[in-house]
Protein backbone atom coordinates (compact mmCIF):
# COMPACT_ATOMS: atom_id res chain seq x y z
CA MET A 1 103.46 71.77 93.95
CA THR A 2 103.17 75.55 93.66
CA GLU A 3 100.02 75.49 95.79
CA GLN A 4 101.81 73.56 98.55
CA VAL A 5 104.75 75.98 98.59
CA PHE A 6 102.33 78.91 98.76
CA LEU A 7 100.40 77.24 101.58
CA GLU A 8 103.50 76.56 103.65
CA THR A 9 104.89 80.07 103.28
CA THR A 10 101.68 82.07 103.68
CA PRO A 11 100.46 82.32 107.26
CA LEU A 12 96.79 82.85 107.95
CA ASN A 13 95.91 86.40 108.96
CA ALA A 14 92.97 88.46 110.23
CA LEU A 15 91.45 88.64 106.74
CA ASP A 16 91.09 84.85 106.59
CA ARG A 17 87.66 83.93 107.97
CA CYS A 18 86.02 80.72 109.16
CA ASP A 19 83.70 79.24 106.54
CA ARG A 20 81.34 78.11 109.30
CA CYS A 21 80.94 81.19 111.55
CA GLY A 22 83.01 84.05 110.10
CA ALA A 23 85.51 84.28 112.99
CA GLN A 24 89.23 84.57 112.27
CA ALA A 25 90.51 81.38 110.65
CA TYR A 26 93.35 79.43 112.25
CA VAL A 27 92.93 76.20 110.24
CA ARG A 28 93.13 75.86 106.45
CA ALA A 29 92.33 72.58 104.71
CA ILE A 30 93.23 71.96 101.09
CA LEU A 31 90.82 69.28 99.94
CA LEU A 32 91.72 66.27 97.80
CA THR A 33 89.21 67.60 95.26
CA GLY A 34 91.16 70.86 95.01
CA GLY A 35 88.92 73.10 97.11
CA GLU A 36 89.87 74.95 100.27
CA LEU A 37 88.12 75.33 103.62
CA MET A 38 89.04 77.62 106.50
CA PHE A 39 87.94 77.30 110.10
CA CYS A 40 88.33 79.10 113.40
CA ALA A 41 90.04 77.13 116.15
CA HIS A 42 86.69 75.95 117.56
CA HIS A 43 85.32 74.62 114.27
CA GLY A 44 88.72 73.31 113.20
CA LYS A 45 88.77 71.16 116.32
CA GLU A 46 85.14 70.12 115.83
CA TYR A 47 85.72 68.95 112.25
CA ALA A 48 89.34 67.72 112.63
CA GLU A 49 88.59 64.00 112.25
CA LYS A 50 86.38 64.50 109.19
CA LEU A 51 88.91 66.86 107.60
CA LYS A 52 91.66 64.25 107.88
CA THR A 53 89.69 61.98 105.54
CA VAL A 54 89.08 64.58 102.82
CA ALA A 55 92.07 66.93 103.02
CA ALA A 56 95.35 66.67 101.13
CA LYS A 57 96.95 69.20 103.52
CA ILE A 58 95.86 70.83 106.79
CA GLN A 59 97.53 74.03 107.95
CA ASP A 60 96.90 74.42 111.69
CA GLU A 61 97.93 77.73 113.27
CA THR A 62 95.91 77.43 116.48
CA GLN A 63 99.18 77.71 118.45
CA LYS A 64 98.99 81.46 117.72
CA LEU A 65 96.22 81.65 120.30
CA VAL A 66 98.48 80.53 123.16
CA GLU A 67 101.81 82.09 122.19
CA SER A 68 103.08 84.68 124.66
CA LYS A 69 104.14 88.07 123.41
């Protein structure tokens, strides 16, 4: 439960990097096995269907890319 609270209250930031290409991460997946994966928007979209089958929780912050300032 502590991990879920932490996940929901901690936004991704510029230090969080995509595990596939190293770009800024906008998607975090907490796996059913307890691991964690982070992806940029591109790779998050590419792997979205597969992640749904292995993730306990997916934090998607890709809306940050289209928000106006």
